[in-house]
Protein backbone atom coordinates (compact mmCIF):
# COMPACT_ATOMS: atom_id res chain seq x y z
CA MET A 1 -15.87 -4.47 48.64
CA SER A 2 -16.13 -1.49 46.34
CA ALA A 3 -13.31 -0.69 47.51
CA PHE A 4 -11.13 -3.97 46.50
CA LEU A 5 -12.98 -3.52 42.96
CA SER A 6 -11.39 -0.02 42.40
CA PRO A 7 -8.22 -0.80 42.45
CA LEU A 8 -8.48 -4.60 41.29
CA LEU A 9 -10.12 -2.98 37.75
CA PHE A 10 -7.32 -0.78 37.57
CA VAL A 11 -5.02 -3.08 37.14
CA LEU A 12 -6.86 -5.52 35.28
CA SER A 13 -7.53 -2.59 32.90
CA GLY A 14 -3.31 -1.83 32.79
CA LEU A 15 -2.96 -5.35 31.84
CA LEU A 16 -5.77 -4.94 29.08
CA LEU A 17 -3.61 -1.87 27.60
CA LEU A 18 0.06 -3.79 28.32
CA GLU A 19 -0.77 -6.31 26.21
CA ALA A 20 -2.43 -4.02 23.59
CA SER A 21 1.05 -2.22 23.89
CA ALA A 22 3.16 -5.09 23.20
CA ALA A 23 1.69 -6.27 20.10
CA GLU A 24 5.38 -6.71 17.80
CA TRP A 25 5.60 -7.31 14.62
CA THR A 26 6.37 -10.74 12.92
CA GLN A 27 7.45 -12.68 10.13
CA LEU A 28 5.72 -15.43 8.68
CA LYS A 29 7.45 -17.54 5.83
CA PRO A 30 9.00 -14.87 3.57
CA LEU A 31 7.78 -15.92 -0.56
CA PRO A 32 9.87 -18.77 -2.10
CA ASP A 33 11.61 -16.21 -4.70
CA ALA A 34 15.19 -14.95 -3.31
CA GLU A 35 15.21 -11.50 -4.54
CA GLY A 36 11.52 -10.74 -3.51
CA PHE A 37 9.10 -8.15 -5.56
CA ALA A 38 8.24 -4.51 -5.29
CA ALA A 39 5.03 -3.29 -5.76
CA PRO A 40 3.05 -6.35 -6.39
CA PHE A 41 -0.59 -7.04 -6.21
CA ALA A 42 -2.14 -8.48 -2.95
CA GLY A 43 -5.44 -9.16 -0.97
CA VAL A 44 -7.70 -11.53 0.81
CA SER A 45 -9.48 -14.30 -1.38
CA GLN A 46 -11.21 -17.58 0.43
CA GLY A 47 -9.81 -16.42 3.85
CA ALA A 48 -6.09 -17.47 2.14
CA LEU A 49 -3.87 -14.48 1.55
CA ILE A 50 -2.56 -13.81 -2.57
CA VAL A 51 0.66 -11.63 -3.31
CA ALA A 52 0.56 -11.74 -7.02
CA GLY A 53 3.02 -9.50 -9.70
CA GLY A 54 5.80 -7.70 -8.83
CA ALA A 55 9.59 -6.14 -10.36
CA ASN A 56 12.41 -6.67 -9.09
CA ILE A 57 16.33 -6.82 -9.97
CA PRO A 58 17.49 -10.22 -10.56
CA LYS A 59 20.76 -9.75 -11.54
CA ASP A 60 23.67 -6.78 -11.51
CA LYS A 61 21.50 -4.06 -9.47
CA TRP A 62 24.34 -1.71 -8.66
CA ALA A 63 25.50 -1.68 -11.92
CA ASP A 64 25.24 1.67 -13.48
CA VAL A 65 22.70 0.05 -16.18
CA PHE A 66 20.68 -2.10 -15.00
CA THR A 67 17.20 -4.58 -15.74
CA LYS A 68 13.74 -3.84 -13.71
CA VAL A 69 11.72 -7.27 -14.38
CA TRP A 70 8.11 -7.74 -13.72
CA TYR A 71 6.89 -10.94 -13.46
CA ASP A 72 3.14 -12.38 -13.74
CA HIS A 73 3.81 -14.90 -10.57
CA VAL A 74 1.22 -15.30 -8.31
CA PHE A 75 1.92 -16.81 -4.27
CA VAL A 76 -0.83 -17.90 -2.15
CA LEU A 77 -0.92 -18.14 1.65
CA GLU A 78 -3.40 -20.73 2.83
CA GLN A 79 -2.61 -20.30 6.76
CA PRO A 80 -0.07 -17.60 8.60
CA GLU A 81 1.66 -20.91 9.93
CA GLY A 82 1.56 -22.66 6.29
CA GLU A 83 3.36 -22.66 3.16
CA TRP A 84 2.73 -20.76 0.16
CA LYS A 85 1.79 -22.25 -3.10
CA SER A 86 2.83 -21.13 -6.35
CA GLY A 87 3.09 -21.92 -9.25
CA PHE A 88 -0.17 -19.90 -10.15
CA THR A 89 0.09 -17.74 -12.64
CA MET A 90 -1.59 -13.89 -14.20
CA ALA A 91 -2.61 -13.20 -17.81
CA ARG A 92 1.16 -10.74 -17.86
CA PRO A 93 3.77 -9.75 -15.67
CA LEU A 94 2.33 -6.41 -14.29
CA GLY A 95 2.83 -5.14 -11.14
CA TYR A 96 2.94 -1.39 -9.66
CA GLY A 97 -0.96 -1.05 -9.97
CA VAL A 98 -3.79 -0.56 -7.08
CA SER A 99 -5.59 -3.44 -4.94
CA VAL A 100 -8.49 -4.16 -2.90
CA SER A 101 -9.83 -7.28 -1.46
CA ALA A 102 -13.78 -7.87 -2.05
CA ASP A 103 -16.31 -9.99 -3.03
CA ASP A 104 -13.74 -12.68 -2.54
CA GLY A 105 -11.53 -11.98 -4.21
CA VAL A 106 -8.31 -9.40 -4.96
CA LEU A 107 -9.54 -6.53 -7.17
CA CYS A 108 -6.56 -5.23 -9.11
CA PHE A 109 -6.36 -1.97 -11.36
CA GLY A 110 -4.23 -0.94 -13.70
CA GLY A 111 -0.11 -1.33 -13.20
CA SER A 112 2.83 -1.31 -15.49
CA ASP A 113 5.29 -3.97 -17.45
CA ALA A 114 8.79 -2.81 -18.44
CA THR A 115 6.98 -1.53 -21.48
CA GLN A 116 3.71 0.18 -20.68
CA HIS A 117 0.70 1.60 -18.10
CA TYR A 118 -2.71 -0.44 -17.85
CA ALA A 119 -5.73 0.72 -17.73
CA GLU A 120 -7.21 -3.11 -17.18
CA GLY A 121 -9.34 -4.55 -13.96
CA PHE A 122 -9.24 -7.72 -13.21
CA ARG A 123 -10.20 -10.08 -9.93
CA LEU A 124 -7.89 -12.80 -8.71
CA THR A 125 -9.64 -15.41 -6.83
CA TRP A 126 -8.59 -18.35 -4.66
CA LYS A 127 -11.15 -22.10 -5.29
CA GLU A 128 -10.62 -26.10 -5.22
CA GLY A 129 -7.28 -25.03 -5.27
CA GLN A 130 -6.28 -22.67 -7.90
CA ILE A 131 -5.99 -19.49 -9.28
CA THR A 132 -8.70 -17.88 -11.41
CA SER A 133 -9.32 -14.26 -12.84
CA THR A 134 -12.76 -12.23 -13.80
CA PRO A 135 -12.23 -8.97 -15.87
CA LEU A 136 -13.18 -5.98 -13.97
CA PRO A 137 -14.11 -2.16 -14.83
CA PHE A 138 -11.07 -0.28 -17.22
CA LEU A 139 -9.79 2.45 -15.10
CA PRO A 140 -10.28 5.93 -17.63
CA LYS A 141 -6.76 5.61 -18.80
CA ALA A 142 -4.48 3.66 -18.25
CA CYS A 143 -2.48 4.94 -14.53
CA ALA A 144 0.63 3.02 -12.78
CA ASN A 145 2.08 4.37 -9.84
CA ALA A 146 -1.48 5.32 -7.87
CA CYS A 147 -3.32 5.03 -4.31
CA GLY A 148 -6.53 3.49 -3.56
CA ALA A 149 -8.66 2.15 -0.70
CA LEU A 150 -11.99 0.39 -0.24
CA VAL A 151 -14.79 2.68 1.34
CA GLY A 152 -17.55 0.93 2.59
CA ARG A 153 -18.58 -0.57 -1.41
CA THR A 154 -16.63 2.08 -3.51
CA VAL A 155 -12.94 2.01 -4.40
CA TYR A 156 -11.47 4.97 -4.91
CA ILE A 157 -8.25 5.26 -6.89
CA ALA A 158 -6.42 8.32 -6.57
CA GLY A 159 -3.60 10.15 -8.86
CA GLY A 160 -0.39 7.84 -10.43
CA ILE A 161 0.97 8.55 -13.85
CA GLU A 162 0.31 7.49 -17.32
CA THR A 163 2.89 6.80 -18.83
CA PRO A 164 6.10 5.14 -18.34
CA THR A 165 8.06 8.80 -19.38
CA SER A 166 5.37 11.13 -18.09
CA THR A 167 6.97 14.61 -16.51
CA THR A 168 3.55 15.16 -14.69
CA ALA A 169 1.51 13.38 -12.66
CA LEU A 170 -2.64 12.64 -13.20
CA ALA A 171 -4.36 14.72 -10.73
CA THR A 172 -7.42 12.36 -10.92
CA PHE A 173 -10.00 11.10 -8.39
CA TRP A 174 -11.34 7.79 -9.56
CA ALA A 175 -14.83 6.11 -8.12
CA LEU A 176 -16.14 2.49 -8.73
CA ASP A 177 -19.08 1.25 -6.72
CA LEU A 178 -19.56 -2.12 -6.33
CA ASP A 179 -23.30 -2.77 -5.57
CA ALA A 180 -24.19 -0.50 -8.38
CA ALA A 181 -25.81 -2.22 -11.55
CA GLU A 182 -23.87 -1.59 -13.91
CA PRO A 183 -20.76 -0.49 -11.79
CA ARG A 184 -18.39 2.07 -14.31
CA TRP A 185 -16.03 4.17 -12.92
CA GLN A 186 -16.56 7.62 -12.69
CA GLU A 187 -14.57 11.05 -12.20
CA LEU A 188 -14.61 12.91 -8.24
CA PRO A 189 -13.29 16.16 -7.99
CA THR A 190 -9.74 15.98 -6.96
CA TRP A 191 -8.34 17.07 -3.91
CA PRO A 192 -6.90 20.92 -3.42
CA GLY A 193 -3.82 20.22 -3.99
CA PRO A 194 -0.81 19.10 -6.74
CA ALA A 195 -1.37 16.09 -8.21
CA ARG A 196 1.01 13.25 -7.28
CA MET A 197 1.57 9.19 -7.72
CA LEU A 198 3.17 6.91 -5.03
CA ALA A 199 0.74 8.17 -2.13
CA VAL A 200 -0.52 6.40 0.90
CA ALA A 201 -4.42 6.17 0.66
CA GLY A 202 -5.57 5.28 3.57
CA ALA A 203 -10.05 4.72 5.27
CA LEU A 204 -11.78 5.34 7.46
CA GLU A 205 -15.25 4.63 8.56
CA ASP A 206 -17.08 6.32 5.58
CA ALA A 207 -13.86 8.17 4.37
CA PHE A 208 -10.93 8.58 2.23
CA TYR A 209 -7.69 9.94 3.02
CA LEU A 210 -4.90 10.85 1.05
CA PHE A 211 -0.72 11.15 1.96
CA SER A 212 1.91 13.06 1.04
CA GLY A 213 3.34 11.04 -2.30
CA VAL A 214 5.63 12.80 -4.99
CA SER A 215 4.62 15.63 -8.01
CA LEU A 216 6.81 15.99 -11.09
CA THR A 217 8.06 18.54 -13.49
CA ALA A 218 9.96 18.17 -16.39
CA GLY A 219 13.66 18.52 -15.39
CA PRO A 220 16.62 20.62 -17.98
CA ASP A 221 17.22 16.92 -19.62
CA GLY A 222 13.55 16.47 -20.48
CA LYS A 223 12.86 13.62 -17.55
CA ALA A 224 10.25 13.72 -14.39
CA GLN A 225 12.27 15.43 -11.36
CA ARG A 226 10.69 14.10 -7.81
CA SER A 227 9.21 16.95 -5.24
CA TYR A 228 8.38 14.88 -2.16
CA LEU A 229 5.20 16.59 -0.97
CA LYS A 230 3.89 16.02 3.01
CA ASP A 231 -0.22 17.54 2.41
CA ALA A 232 -3.20 15.37 3.70
CA PHE A 233 -6.62 15.51 2.43
CA ARG A 234 -9.63 13.44 3.63
CA PHE A 235 -12.63 12.83 1.04
CA SER A 236 -15.81 11.72 2.13
CA LYS A 237 -19.66 11.50 -0.26
CA ASP A 238 -21.12 14.39 2.10
CA ARG A 239 -18.64 16.45 3.30
CA GLY A 240 -15.99 16.50 0.11
CA TRP A 241 -12.65 17.23 -0.09
CA GLU A 242 -10.52 18.63 3.47
CA LYS A 243 -7.70 19.91 4.20
CA LEU A 244 -5.38 17.83 6.59
CA ALA A 245 -2.97 18.60 9.19
CA ASP A 246 0.21 17.47 7.42
CA LEU A 247 2.45 14.69 7.86
CA PRO A 248 5.70 14.99 10.18
CA ARG A 249 8.28 14.19 7.43
CA ALA A 250 6.87 12.76 3.56
CA THR A 251 6.28 8.71 3.68
CA VAL A 252 7.08 8.12 -0.28
CA ALA A 253 5.72 4.92 -1.46
CA ALA A 254 5.16 3.62 1.55
CA PRO A 255 2.38 0.73 2.68
CA SER A 256 -0.94 1.45 1.29
CA PRO A 257 -3.49 2.08 2.24
CA ALA A 258 -2.29 2.92 5.77
CA ALA A 259 -3.24 0.43 8.47
CA SER A 260 -6.74 1.49 10.09
CA LEU A 261 -6.07 0.81 14.55
CA SER A 262 -8.30 1.65 16.99
CA GLY A 263 -9.94 4.13 15.12
CA LYS A 264 -6.08 6.13 13.70
CA LEU A 265 -4.26 5.36 9.91
CA HIS A 266 -0.96 4.32 10.86
CA ILE A 267 1.76 4.84 7.71
CA PHE A 268 4.89 2.39 8.11
CA SER A 269 8.49 3.34 6.75
CA GLY A 270 8.18 4.65 3.43
CA ASP A 271 10.71 7.38 1.71
CA ASP A 272 10.92 10.85 2.89
CA GLY A 273 13.15 12.04 0.01
CA ALA A 274 16.32 12.43 2.64
CA ASN A 275 18.83 10.09 0.68
CA VAL A 276 16.67 10.26 -2.47
CA ASN A 277 20.78 11.65 -4.08
CA PHE A 278 22.75 9.10 -1.45
CA THR A 279 25.60 7.64 -2.94
CA PRO A 280 27.46 5.32 -3.60
CA VAL A 281 23.86 3.67 -4.13
CA THR A 282 25.43 -0.09 -2.18
CA ALA A 283 25.35 2.10 1.26
CA HIS A 284 22.31 3.21 0.70
CA PRO A 285 21.35 3.30 4.42
CA GLY A 286 17.12 2.19 3.46
CA PHE A 287 14.02 4.50 4.40
CA PRO A 288 12.51 6.31 7.34
CA ARG A 289 12.28 2.98 10.28
CA SER A 290 9.51 5.27 11.90
CA THR A 291 5.83 4.95 11.63
CA LEU A 292 3.28 7.93 11.23
CA ILE A 293 0.12 7.59 13.00
CA TYR A 294 -2.81 10.27 12.13
CA ASP A 295 -5.86 11.00 14.72
CA PRO A 296 -8.37 12.34 13.26
CA LYS A 297 -10.45 13.50 16.52
CA GLY A 298 -7.72 16.10 17.04
CA ASP A 299 -6.43 15.98 13.30
CA ALA A 300 -2.84 15.46 14.47
CA TRP A 301 0.26 13.35 13.77
CA THR A 302 2.57 11.06 16.00
CA ALA A 303 5.93 9.49 15.08
CA GLU A 304 6.66 6.20 16.62
CA ASP A 305 10.37 4.76 16.38
CA GLY A 306 11.96 1.56 16.78
CA LEU A 307 10.09 -0.33 13.58
CA PRO A 308 11.59 -3.48 12.45
CA PHE A 309 12.06 -2.89 8.81
CA SER A 310 12.52 -0.22 6.19
CA ILE A 311 10.10 -0.41 2.90
CA ALA A 312 8.06 1.09 0.80
CA THR A 313 6.42 0.33 -2.72
CA VAL A 314 4.28 -2.59 -1.16
CA PRO A 315 0.51 -2.86 -0.19
CA ALA A 316 -0.71 -3.56 3.11
CA VAL A 317 -3.45 -6.36 3.74
CA GLU A 318 -6.05 -7.04 6.94
CA TRP A 319 -5.72 -10.86 7.15
CA ARG A 320 -6.74 -13.22 9.83
CA SER A 321 -6.41 -10.11 12.04
CA ARG A 322 -3.11 -8.85 10.97
CA ILE A 323 -1.88 -6.58 9.48
CA ILE A 324 0.44 -8.00 6.20
CA ILE A 325 3.33 -6.17 5.11
CA PRO A 326 3.87 -8.61 1.81
CA ASN A 327 7.79 -8.11 0.42
CA GLY A 328 8.56 -4.50 -0.94
CA GLU A 329 11.74 -2.64 -1.38
CA LEU A 330 14.58 -2.45 2.14
CA ARG A 331 16.20 0.64 -0.42
CA PRO A 332 16.81 1.46 -3.84
CA ARG A 333 17.07 -1.48 -6.08
CA LEU A 334 17.02 -3.84 -3.56
CA ARG A 335 13.90 -5.87 -2.75
CA THR A 336 12.75 -8.79 -0.08
CA PRO A 337 11.35 -11.61 0.41
CA GLU A 338 10.07 -11.14 3.94
CA VAL A 339 6.70 -11.03 5.05
CA TRP A 340 5.31 -8.99 7.74
CA SER A 341 2.63 -9.46 10.04
CA LEU A 342 1.27 -7.16 13.12
CA PRO A 343 -1.46 -8.64 15.24
CA GLN A 344 -4.75 -5.39 15.23
CA PRO A 345 -5.48 -5.06 18.99
CA ARG A 346 -8.47 -6.80 19.87
CA GLN A 347 -12.13 -4.23 19.74
């Protein structure tokens, strides 16, 4: 009997591995907007997926001078096979902030509009067919283009820029304990590396991860110049900050936080800086269609090609055993209303 069972178990385990590896990206219904949005807030409330705010370029996006527009729209998807509900709004047009799902709502912090950056925090909740917004503690200062993640019951936010014309990024690391009697932001020691914005956050077990991003310096014209980063760091309350192995390439503004799949962190696409000055901009080839996978056990990276999309400046959301990428930037100036979905492996 044992001689028969051994090869049978081997075959069954092989089939399970094949099933897990065969999981592929699919598309949900696109957001009901012709352009789509970069840098919206996104998360889950009452089992529904919420996508709010963000920005796009609705008119001549290829002109030498173009106008970016921010939005207050809120969209809700109650079932993966369902239709998006619309007609809801936030208090103001806003995007490029940090959002996490907690306490049955989408916790939103910071962000920008066409004129300024904000420190405010608020929770979006879906209940009885309506979106409600309630205030949360403000950040210590105005901030956009930061990254953040929820570790346990603590929200962490790292980096960003304070104003639209900043020529230096923020070297700030803030924590909000949601279970505190009076939750308020604490300023913690920062990572042992450059200040940055548009980095990718990650959360795995009891640790917060910080990947890539860009540092800023003032150029000869007084405007900010970017330096693309490939470094990586991990923070935990017990160990503080640790330097990790560098990424194979930069992943600036990739979907954040990185997806936690089978004990590893997955970073999808993102801007590697290779085509930052590509001309003409109308022919930009887009961002890398590859996934970078970090294994904390070996402090090692692997790369997988074949990602079906090029994407940047968009959050990643865990929803109904899926990783959701709701909209984002396909290449400079071009957004998408597409919503991508990846099944999470069975535990």
